[in-house]
Amino acid sequence: MFKHDHKGVVTNVKHLGQCGSCQAFSTNVVVESLNQRKTSKLGLLSEQELIDCDNQENQGCNSALMEYAFEYFKQKCGLTTESYYLTQEIMLDLVFHQI
């Protein structure tokens, strides 16, 4: 049996808290794993980007489907990394609060 967590094909388990955003986490795990199998590099994609921006069909923490998240991913030609998205969020928050 192939254990993905022991082969570095999946990231550590993440906690989604009270937000009903399991589609963002599930979608990212699939894409991260496929990318790792193809490139041998495991990247962390931003679930928060899907929660914040994939709102044409999905509704962030309220309700969403993986199928729509995959469509968003395809339309955008990918997602940004978790660390980059967080950095951008912090910078925007700082700018917003300085006004």
N, C-alpha and C. Protein backbone atom coordinates (compact mmCIF):
# COMPACT_ATOMS: atom_id res chain seq x y z
N MET A 1 0.85 -1.18 0.00
CA MET A 1 0.00 0.00 0.00
C MET A 1 0.89 1.25 0.00
N PHE A 2 0.56 2.21 -0.82
CA PHE A 2 1.31 3.46 -0.93
C PHE A 2 0.79 4.45 0.09
N LYS A 3 1.63 4.82 1.03
CA LYS A 3 1.23 5.79 2.07
C LYS A 3 1.73 7.16 1.65
N HIS A 4 0.83 8.00 1.21
CA HIS A 4 1.19 9.31 0.68
C HIS A 4 1.85 10.20 1.73
N ASP A 5 1.39 10.14 2.97
CA ASP A 5 1.95 11.02 3.98
C ASP A 5 3.40 10.67 4.31
N HIS A 6 3.79 9.42 4.10
CA HIS A 6 5.17 9.02 4.36
C HIS A 6 6.08 9.27 3.17
N LYS A 7 5.51 9.51 2.02
CA LYS A 7 6.29 9.74 0.80
C LYS A 7 6.42 11.22 0.47
N GLY A 8 5.87 12.11 1.31
CA GLY A 8 5.97 13.54 1.06
C GLY A 8 5.06 14.02 -0.06
N VAL A 9 3.99 13.28 -0.31
CA VAL A 9 3.09 13.63 -1.40
C VAL A 9 1.96 14.54 -0.93
N VAL A 10 1.71 14.58 0.36
CA VAL A 10 0.68 15.45 0.90
C VAL A 10 1.27 16.29 2.04
N THR A 11 0.65 17.42 2.28
CA THR A 11 1.09 18.30 3.36
C THR A 11 0.50 17.82 4.69
N ASN A 12 0.92 18.44 5.76
CA ASN A 12 0.36 18.11 7.07
C ASN A 12 -1.12 18.48 7.11
N VAL A 13 -1.84 17.85 8.01
CA VAL A 13 -3.26 18.14 8.19
C VAL A 13 -3.41 19.57 8.68
N LYS A 14 -4.37 20.28 8.11
CA LYS A 14 -4.64 21.66 8.51
C LYS A 14 -6.00 21.74 9.18
N HIS A 15 -6.16 22.69 10.07
CA HIS A 15 -7.41 22.85 10.83
C HIS A 15 -8.23 23.96 10.20
N LEU A 16 -9.47 23.65 9.83
CA LEU A 16 -10.30 24.67 9.20
C LEU A 16 -11.20 25.41 10.18
N GLY A 17 -11.10 25.08 11.44
CA GLY A 17 -11.87 25.81 12.45
C GLY A 17 -13.36 25.69 12.23
N GLN A 18 -14.08 26.79 12.48
CA GLN A 18 -15.53 26.80 12.36
C GLN A 18 -16.01 27.07 10.93
N CYS A 19 -15.11 27.38 10.05
CA CYS A 19 -15.46 27.70 8.67
C CYS A 19 -15.81 26.43 7.91
N GLY A 20 -16.91 26.45 7.20
CA GLY A 20 -17.32 25.31 6.39
C GLY A 20 -16.63 25.33 5.03
N SER A 21 -15.32 25.34 5.04
CA SER A 21 -14.56 25.50 3.80
C SER A 21 -13.79 24.24 3.42
N CYS A 22 -14.34 23.08 3.73
CA CYS A 22 -13.61 21.85 3.46
C CYS A 22 -13.28 21.69 1.97
N GLN A 23 -14.09 22.30 1.08
CA GLN A 23 -13.81 22.19 -0.35
C GLN A 23 -12.49 22.85 -0.71
N ALA A 24 -12.14 23.94 -0.06
CA ALA A 24 -10.87 24.61 -0.34
C ALA A 24 -9.69 23.72 0.08
N PHE A 25 -9.79 23.12 1.24
CA PHE A 25 -8.74 22.25 1.73
C PHE A 25 -8.63 21.00 0.87
N SER A 26 -9.76 20.39 0.54
CA SER A 26 -9.78 19.18 -0.28
C SER A 26 -9.23 19.44 -1.67
N THR A 27 -9.65 20.52 -2.29
CA THR A 27 -9.18 20.87 -3.62
C THR A 27 -7.68 21.09 -3.62
N ASN A 28 -7.19 21.84 -2.64
CA ASN A 28 -5.76 22.11 -2.59
C ASN A 28 -4.93 20.86 -2.35
N VAL A 29 -5.42 19.95 -1.51
CA VAL A 29 -4.68 18.70 -1.27
C VAL A 29 -4.53 17.91 -2.57
N VAL A 30 -5.59 17.86 -3.36
CA VAL A 30 -5.53 17.14 -4.63
C VAL A 30 -4.51 17.78 -5.56
N VAL A 31 -4.59 19.10 -5.73
CA VAL A 31 -3.68 19.80 -6.64
C VAL A 31 -2.24 19.75 -6.14
N GLU A 32 -2.04 19.96 -4.83
CA GLU A 32 -0.69 19.89 -4.27
C GLU A 32 -0.08 18.50 -4.48
N SER A 33 -0.87 17.47 -4.28
CA SER A 33 -0.38 16.09 -4.44
C SER A 33 -0.04 15.79 -5.89
N LEU A 34 -0.92 16.19 -6.81
CA LEU A 34 -0.64 15.97 -8.23
C LEU A 34 0.62 16.71 -8.65
N ASN A 35 0.78 17.93 -8.18
CA ASN A 35 1.97 18.71 -8.50
C ASN A 35 3.23 18.05 -7.94
N GLN A 36 3.15 17.54 -6.72
CA GLN A 36 4.31 16.88 -6.12
C GLN A 36 4.68 15.62 -6.90
N ARG A 37 3.70 14.86 -7.32
CA ARG A 37 3.98 13.63 -8.07
C ARG A 37 4.62 13.96 -9.40
N LYS A 38 4.25 15.11 -9.99
CA LYS A 38 4.80 15.48 -11.30
C LYS A 38 6.17 16.17 -11.18
N THR A 39 6.35 17.04 -10.19
CA THR A 39 7.56 17.86 -10.11
C THR A 39 8.50 17.46 -8.96
N SER A 40 8.05 16.60 -8.08
CA SER A 40 8.79 16.20 -6.87
C SER A 40 8.93 17.36 -5.88
N LYS A 41 8.12 18.40 -6.04
CA LYS A 41 8.13 19.54 -5.12
C LYS A 41 6.74 19.68 -4.51
N LEU A 42 6.71 19.73 -3.19
CA LEU A 42 5.43 19.86 -2.49
C LEU A 42 5.24 21.31 -2.08
N GLY A 43 4.29 21.97 -2.70
CA GLY A 43 4.00 23.37 -2.38
C GLY A 43 2.74 23.49 -1.57
N LEU A 44 2.61 24.56 -0.84
CA LEU A 44 1.41 24.83 -0.05
C LEU A 44 0.60 25.91 -0.75
N LEU A 45 -0.56 25.53 -1.27
CA LEU A 45 -1.43 26.50 -1.92
C LEU A 45 -2.34 27.15 -0.89
N SER A 46 -2.85 28.31 -1.24
CA SER A 46 -3.64 29.10 -0.29
C SER A 46 -5.11 28.70 -0.31
N GLU A 47 -5.56 28.05 0.76
CA GLU A 47 -6.98 27.78 0.92
C GLU A 47 -7.74 29.08 1.09
N GLN A 48 -7.11 30.04 1.77
CA GLN A 48 -7.77 31.32 2.03
C GLN A 48 -8.11 32.04 0.73
N GLU A 49 -7.27 31.90 -0.28
CA GLU A 49 -7.57 32.51 -1.58
C GLU A 49 -8.86 31.92 -2.16
N LEU A 50 -9.01 30.60 -2.07
CA LEU A 50 -10.26 29.99 -2.55
C LEU A 50 -11.45 30.47 -1.75
N ILE A 51 -11.29 30.56 -0.44
CA ILE A 51 -12.39 31.00 0.42
C ILE A 51 -12.77 32.45 0.11
N ASP A 52 -11.76 33.31 -0.07
CA ASP A 52 -12.00 34.73 -0.31
C ASP A 52 -12.46 35.04 -1.73
N CYS A 53 -11.89 34.37 -2.71
CA CYS A 53 -12.05 34.81 -4.10
C CYS A 53 -12.93 33.93 -4.96
N ASP A 54 -13.09 32.67 -4.62
CA ASP A 54 -13.92 31.77 -5.42
C ASP A 54 -15.37 31.93 -5.00
N ASN A 55 -15.97 33.03 -5.42
CA ASN A 55 -17.33 33.33 -4.94
C ASN A 55 -18.36 33.48 -6.05
N GLN A 56 -18.01 33.09 -7.26
CA GLN A 56 -18.99 33.15 -8.33
C GLN A 56 -20.06 32.07 -8.12
N GLU A 57 -19.63 30.85 -7.76
CA GLU A 57 -20.56 29.76 -7.46
C GLU A 57 -20.48 29.35 -5.99
N ASN A 58 -19.27 29.35 -5.45
CA ASN A 58 -19.07 28.96 -4.06
C ASN A 58 -19.32 30.15 -3.14
N GLN A 59 -19.54 29.86 -1.86
CA GLN A 59 -19.87 30.91 -0.90
C GLN A 59 -18.96 30.89 0.32
N GLY A 60 -17.65 30.81 0.07
CA GLY A 60 -16.68 30.89 1.15
C GLY A 60 -16.90 29.89 2.25
N CYS A 61 -17.09 30.37 3.46
CA CYS A 61 -17.27 29.51 4.63
C CYS A 61 -18.68 28.95 4.74
N ASN A 62 -19.60 29.45 3.96
CA ASN A 62 -20.99 29.03 4.11
C ASN A 62 -21.31 27.73 3.37
N SER A 63 -20.89 27.64 2.14
CA SER A 63 -21.21 26.45 1.36
C SER A 63 -20.41 26.48 0.07
N ALA A 64 -19.90 25.32 -0.32
CA ALA A 64 -19.10 25.29 -1.54
C ALA A 64 -18.92 23.85 -2.01
N LEU A 65 -18.56 23.73 -3.28
CA LEU A 65 -18.31 22.42 -3.88
C LEU A 65 -16.91 22.39 -4.49
N MET A 66 -16.28 21.22 -4.40
CA MET A 66 -14.95 21.07 -4.99
C MET A 66 -14.97 21.32 -6.49
N GLU A 67 -16.04 20.90 -7.16
CA GLU A 67 -16.12 21.08 -8.61
C GLU A 67 -15.96 22.55 -8.99
N TYR A 68 -16.60 23.43 -8.25
CA TYR A 68 -16.49 24.87 -8.52
C TYR A 68 -15.09 25.39 -8.18
N ALA A 69 -14.51 24.83 -7.11
CA ALA A 69 -13.15 25.23 -6.74
C ALA A 69 -12.16 24.83 -7.83
N PHE A 70 -12.34 23.64 -8.42
CA PHE A 70 -11.47 23.22 -9.52
C PHE A 70 -11.66 24.13 -10.73
N GLU A 71 -12.89 24.53 -10.99
CA GLU A 71 -13.15 25.46 -12.11
C GLU A 71 -12.46 26.79 -11.86
N TYR A 72 -12.55 27.30 -10.65
CA TYR A 72 -11.86 28.55 -10.30
C TYR A 72 -10.37 28.40 -10.52
N PHE A 73 -9.83 27.28 -10.07
CA PHE A 73 -8.40 27.00 -10.22
C PHE A 73 -8.01 27.00 -11.70
N LYS A 74 -8.81 26.35 -12.53
CA LYS A 74 -8.52 26.30 -13.97
C LYS A 74 -8.62 27.68 -14.61
N GLN A 75 -9.65 28.44 -14.26
CA GLN A 75 -9.83 29.79 -14.83
C GLN A 75 -8.68 30.72 -14.47
N LYS A 76 -8.17 30.59 -13.25
CA LYS A 76 -7.07 31.44 -12.80
C LYS A 76 -5.71 30.90 -13.19
N CYS A 77 -5.69 29.69 -13.77
CA CYS A 77 -4.43 29.00 -14.10
C CYS A 77 -3.59 28.76 -12.85
N GLY A 78 -4.25 28.43 -11.76
CA GLY A 78 -3.55 28.09 -10.53
C GLY A 78 -3.91 29.00 -9.38
N LEU A 79 -3.26 28.75 -8.27
CA LEU A 79 -3.45 29.56 -7.06
C LEU A 79 -2.08 30.04 -6.58
N THR A 80 -2.09 31.04 -5.76
CA THR A 80 -0.85 31.51 -5.16
C THR A 80 -0.52 30.62 -3.96
N THR A 81 0.68 30.76 -3.46
CA THR A 81 1.08 29.96 -2.31
C THR A 81 0.46 30.51 -1.04
N GLU A 82 0.41 29.66 -0.05
CA GLU A 82 -0.15 30.05 1.24
C GLU A 82 0.62 31.23 1.85
N SER A 83 1.95 31.17 1.81
CA SER A 83 2.75 32.23 2.43
C SER A 83 2.63 33.55 1.67
N TYR A 84 2.58 33.50 0.34
CA TYR A 84 2.46 34.73 -0.45
C TYR A 84 1.10 35.38 -0.22
N TYR A 85 0.04 34.59 -0.22
CA TYR A 85 -1.31 35.14 -0.03
C TYR A 85 -1.43 35.77 1.35
N LEU A 86 -0.89 35.12 2.36
CA LEU A 86 -0.92 35.65 3.72
C LEU A 86 -0.17 36.96 3.80
N THR A 87 1.00 37.03 3.16
CA THR A 87 1.78 38.27 3.15
C THR A 87 0.99 39.40 2.50
N GLN A 88 0.34 39.12 1.38
CA GLN A 88 -0.46 40.13 0.69
C GLN A 88 -1.63 40.58 1.54
N GLU A 89 -2.27 39.64 2.24
CA GLU A 89 -3.38 39.97 3.12
C GLU A 89 -2.94 40.90 4.25
N ILE A 90 -1.80 40.60 4.84
CA ILE A 90 -1.28 41.42 5.94
C ILE A 90 -0.97 42.83 5.43
N MET A 91 -0.34 42.92 4.26
CA MET A 91 0.02 44.23 3.71
C MET A 91 -1.24 45.04 3.40
N LEU A 92 -2.25 44.42 2.82
CA LEU A 92 -3.50 45.13 2.53
C LEU A 92 -4.19 45.58 3.81
N ASP A 93 -4.14 44.74 4.82
CA ASP A 93 -4.74 45.09 6.11
C ASP A 93 -4.03 46.29 6.72
N LEU A 94 -2.72 46.32 6.63
CA LEU A 94 -1.96 47.45 7.17
C LEU A 94 -2.29 48.74 6.42
N VAL A 95 -2.38 48.65 5.10
CA VAL A 95 -2.72 49.84 4.29
C VAL A 95 -4.13 50.32 4.64
N PHE A 96 -5.06 49.38 4.74
CA PHE A 96 -6.45 49.73 5.04
C PHE A 96 -6.58 50.45 6.38
N HIS A 97 -5.87 49.97 7.38
CA HIS A 97 -5.98 50.55 8.72
C HIS A 97 -5.20 51.87 8.88
N GLN A 98 -4.33 52.18 7.94
CA GLN A 98 -3.59 53.43 8.01
C GLN A 98 -4.37 54.58 7.39
N ILE A 99 -5.39 54.28 6.63
CA ILE A 99 -6.17 55.33 5.96
C ILE A 99 -7.07 56.04 6.93
